[in-house]
Amino acid sequence: MLKVGLTGGIGAGKSEVSRLLVERGAVLVDADRIAREVVAPGTEGLAAVVETFGPGILAADGSLDRPKLGAIVFADPEKLAALNAIVHPLVGARSAELERAAAEAADDTVVVHDVPLLAENGLAPLYDVVVVVDARPETQLDRLVRLRGMTEDDARARMTAQATREKRLEIADLVIDNDGPLERLVPRVDEVWRDLRQRARAA
């Protein structure tokens, strides 16, 4: 099994890259999706978040109001750290479960961990290969405002809360440039997939 850490700044197109890799045969462990699962209604994770941030971060149906919580934590590094201290251990445990299941399926499986905060949390040593999806900050900002409907201030705050582009590139074994259109992205993903398959077979 080859453990791949996939990361990239918000708006860089990491989700599109992970989708393309799954199409080619990768097993995806999506930290964002797992992070939502571990704070779903009725979980210990949600109870801990409410205890830390108060019931005001709940929606009317008892679920986590993610935009409201996001507005709180992305403006305050200490509160973001408090949230991460709750969520990250739960995500790590669930990710390990999924990885074990994938490893049992085949020896040369490529398991792609989609980890938005890989650089921020110093997680690169946990993976055999780190793949960084890269785009210029101006491109990220444009996508967040134009495609996700964020205000420019909110988009900049989210970007500032993450590692710098330079810090992400420092830990990269492979870089996927996603500054342009999709037709340029697909051939690069194909190249990276061939590289990962070779590494998995060699391992």
Protein backbone atom coordinates (compact mmCIF):
# COMPACT_ATOMS: atom_id res chain seq x y z
CA MET A 1 0.00 0.00 0.00
CA LEU A 2 1.14 3.52 -0.82
CA LYS A 3 0.01 6.26 1.57
CA VAL A 4 -0.42 9.56 -0.26
CA GLY A 5 -1.08 12.87 1.45
CA LEU A 6 -2.97 15.23 -0.88
CA THR A 7 -3.21 18.87 0.08
CA GLY A 8 -3.61 22.36 -1.32
CA GLY A 9 -4.87 25.77 -0.33
CA ILE A 10 -8.58 26.52 -0.27
CA GLY A 11 -9.75 27.16 -3.83
CA ALA A 12 -6.72 25.45 -5.38
CA GLY A 13 -8.83 22.59 -6.76
CA LYS A 14 -7.83 19.75 -4.46
CA SER A 15 -11.31 18.22 -4.53
CA GLU A 16 -11.24 18.02 -8.33
CA VAL A 17 -7.82 16.34 -8.21
CA SER A 18 -9.00 13.81 -5.63
CA ARG A 19 -12.04 13.04 -7.81
CA LEU A 20 -9.79 12.43 -10.84
CA LEU A 21 -7.49 10.17 -8.82
CA VAL A 22 -10.43 8.10 -7.59
CA GLU A 23 -11.58 7.72 -11.21
CA ARG A 24 -8.15 6.25 -11.96
CA GLY A 25 -8.32 3.73 -9.10
CA ALA A 26 -7.19 5.46 -5.92
CA VAL A 27 -8.92 4.80 -2.60
CA LEU A 28 -9.88 8.16 -1.09
CA VAL A 29 -9.81 9.00 2.61
CA ASP A 30 -11.41 12.46 2.75
CA ALA A 31 -10.53 14.33 5.94
CA ASP A 32 -13.14 17.03 5.30
CA ARG A 33 -15.93 14.49 4.93
CA ILE A 34 -14.76 12.58 8.00
CA ALA A 35 -14.54 15.88 9.92
CA ARG A 36 -18.24 16.40 9.18
CA GLU A 37 -19.07 12.85 10.23
CA VAL A 38 -17.35 13.11 13.62
CA VAL A 39 -19.40 16.21 14.58
CA ALA A 40 -22.73 14.92 13.28
CA PRO A 41 -25.74 15.11 15.63
CA GLY A 42 -25.47 12.62 18.47
CA THR A 43 -21.68 12.24 18.32
CA GLU A 44 -19.20 12.85 21.12
CA GLY A 45 -17.43 15.25 18.77
CA LEU A 46 -20.43 17.56 18.48
CA ALA A 47 -20.97 17.46 22.23
CA ALA A 48 -17.35 18.56 22.78
CA VAL A 49 -17.67 21.39 20.23
CA VAL A 50 -20.85 22.67 21.91
CA GLU A 51 -19.18 22.48 25.32
CA THR A 52 -16.28 24.58 24.03
CA PHE A 53 -18.11 27.12 21.85
CA GLY A 54 -21.62 27.16 23.31
CA PRO A 55 -25.02 26.14 21.91
CA GLY A 56 -25.08 29.19 19.64
CA ILE A 57 -23.10 27.24 17.04
CA LEU A 58 -25.99 24.84 16.51
CA ALA A 59 -28.56 25.13 13.74
CA ALA A 60 -32.28 24.88 14.50
CA ASP A 61 -32.27 21.14 13.76
CA GLY A 62 -29.47 20.46 16.24
CA SER A 63 -26.75 20.05 13.66
CA LEU A 64 -23.55 22.07 13.59
CA ASP A 65 -23.96 25.47 11.92
CA ARG A 66 -20.68 25.27 10.03
CA PRO A 67 -20.71 28.81 8.55
CA LYS A 68 -21.35 30.30 12.01
CA LEU A 69 -18.58 28.25 13.61
CA GLY A 70 -16.27 29.02 10.70
CA ALA A 71 -16.81 32.76 11.13
CA ILE A 72 -15.77 32.41 14.79
CA VAL A 73 -12.69 30.22 14.44
CA PHE A 74 -11.16 31.60 11.26
CA ALA A 75 -11.00 35.04 12.84
CA ASP A 76 -9.27 33.80 16.03
CA PRO A 77 -6.22 31.48 15.93
CA GLU A 78 -6.74 30.34 19.54
CA LYS A 79 -10.32 29.29 18.85
CA LEU A 80 -9.25 27.53 15.66
CA ALA A 81 -6.64 25.63 17.67
CA ALA A 82 -9.31 24.67 20.22
CA LEU A 83 -11.56 23.31 17.48
CA ASN A 84 -8.70 21.40 15.87
CA ALA A 85 -7.82 19.82 19.22
CA ILE A 86 -11.31 18.33 19.33
CA VAL A 87 -11.74 17.29 15.72
CA HIS A 88 -8.28 16.15 14.58
CA PRO A 89 -7.88 13.13 16.91
CA LEU A 90 -11.34 11.89 15.91
CA VAL A 91 -10.54 12.32 12.21
CA GLY A 92 -7.21 10.55 12.66
CA ALA A 93 -8.80 7.51 14.29
CA ARG A 94 -11.47 7.15 11.60
CA SER A 95 -8.93 7.68 8.79
CA ALA A 96 -6.77 4.88 10.21
CA GLU A 97 -9.77 2.53 10.15
CA LEU A 98 -10.46 3.27 6.49
CA GLU A 99 -6.79 2.89 5.58
CA ARG A 100 -6.56 -0.52 7.23
CA ALA A 101 -9.58 -1.71 5.26
CA ALA A 102 -8.02 -0.50 1.97
CA ALA A 103 -4.68 -2.19 2.75
CA GLU A 104 -6.42 -5.52 3.34
CA ALA A 105 -8.03 -5.31 -0.12
CA ALA A 106 -4.75 -5.28 -2.14
CA ASP A 107 -1.02 -4.94 -1.51
CA ASP A 108 -0.45 -2.25 -4.16
CA THR A 109 -3.42 -0.04 -3.28
CA VAL A 110 -2.88 3.71 -3.61
CA VAL A 111 -4.62 5.33 -0.64
CA VAL A 112 -5.03 9.08 -1.08
CA HIS A 113 -5.61 11.03 2.11
CA ASP A 114 -7.26 14.35 1.24
CA VAL A 115 -5.90 16.52 4.07
CA PRO A 116 -6.52 20.29 3.83
CA LEU A 117 -4.31 21.12 6.85
CA LEU A 118 -1.46 18.73 6.11
CA ALA A 119 1.20 21.45 6.03
CA GLU A 120 -0.26 23.40 8.95
CA ASN A 121 -0.20 20.40 11.27
CA GLY A 122 3.20 19.02 10.25
CA LEU A 123 1.70 15.77 8.94
CA ALA A 124 3.97 15.21 5.92
CA PRO A 125 6.06 12.50 7.68
CA LEU A 126 2.93 10.34 8.01
CA TYR A 127 2.78 9.75 4.24
CA ASP A 128 4.95 7.96 1.71
CA VAL A 129 4.31 10.72 -0.83
CA VAL A 130 2.93 14.26 -0.46
CA VAL A 131 1.08 15.68 -3.47
CA VAL A 132 0.35 19.41 -3.43
CA VAL A 133 -2.29 20.99 -5.67
CA ASP A 134 -0.94 24.47 -6.37
CA ALA A 135 -2.53 27.68 -7.62
CA ARG A 136 -1.59 31.32 -7.29
CA PRO A 137 -3.30 33.21 -4.43
CA GLU A 138 -5.04 35.45 -6.98
CA THR A 139 -6.53 32.35 -8.61
CA GLN A 140 -7.67 30.97 -5.25
CA LEU A 141 -9.32 34.27 -4.33
CA ASP A 142 -11.11 34.52 -7.67
CA ARG A 143 -12.49 30.98 -7.36
CA LEU A 144 -13.68 31.49 -3.78
CA VAL A 145 -15.51 34.71 -4.61
CA ARG A 146 -16.80 33.77 -8.06
CA LEU A 147 -17.56 30.08 -7.62
CA ARG A 148 -18.27 29.69 -3.90
CA GLY A 149 -19.97 33.03 -3.33
CA MET A 150 -17.69 34.16 -0.49
CA THR A 151 -17.08 37.79 0.22
CA GLU A 152 -13.54 38.88 -0.56
CA ASP A 153 -12.86 39.53 3.15
CA ASP A 154 -14.08 36.07 4.15
CA ALA A 155 -12.07 34.44 1.38
CA ARG A 156 -8.90 36.28 2.40
CA ALA A 157 -9.45 35.31 6.06
CA ARG A 158 -9.78 31.63 5.12
CA MET A 159 -6.63 31.80 3.01
CA THR A 160 -4.68 33.59 5.74
CA ALA A 161 -5.67 30.92 8.29
CA GLN A 162 -3.92 28.30 6.15
CA ALA A 163 -0.24 27.68 5.48
CA THR A 164 1.45 29.84 2.90
CA ARG A 165 1.88 28.61 -0.64
CA GLU A 166 5.64 28.43 -0.02
CA LYS A 167 5.22 26.25 3.07
CA ARG A 168 3.03 23.79 1.16
CA LEU A 169 5.48 23.57 -1.74
CA GLU A 170 8.36 22.90 0.68
CA ILE A 171 6.80 19.60 1.74
CA ALA A 172 5.71 18.49 -1.75
CA ASP A 173 7.10 15.37 -3.38
CA LEU A 174 4.86 15.96 -6.41
CA VAL A 175 3.15 19.22 -7.44
CA ILE A 176 0.01 19.48 -9.55
CA ASP A 177 -0.31 22.93 -11.11
CA ASN A 178 -4.00 23.86 -11.19
CA ASP A 179 -3.73 27.50 -12.13
CA GLY A 180 -5.37 26.97 -15.50
CA PRO A 181 -8.39 25.24 -17.06
CA LEU A 182 -9.48 21.64 -16.51
CA GLU A 183 -8.08 20.47 -19.83
CA ARG A 184 -4.58 21.28 -18.53
CA LEU A 185 -5.23 19.60 -15.18
CA VAL A 186 -6.23 16.16 -16.48
CA PRO A 187 -2.94 15.31 -18.27
CA ARG A 188 -0.96 16.33 -15.20
CA VAL A 189 -3.12 14.14 -12.95
CA ASP A 190 -2.51 11.26 -15.38
CA GLU A 191 1.27 11.78 -15.03
CA VAL A 192 1.05 11.84 -11.24
CA TRP A 193 -1.16 8.74 -11.20
CA ARG A 194 1.37 6.79 -13.26
CA ASP A 195 4.09 7.86 -10.82
CA LEU A 196 2.01 6.78 -7.80
CA ARG A 197 1.21 3.40 -9.33
CA GLN A 198 4.91 2.75 -9.96
CA ARG A 199 5.73 3.67 -6.37
CA ALA A 200 2.94 1.44 -5.04
CA ARG A 201 4.18 -1.56 -7.03
CA ALA A 202 7.76 -0.94 -5.91
CA ALA A 203 6.67 -0.72 -2.28
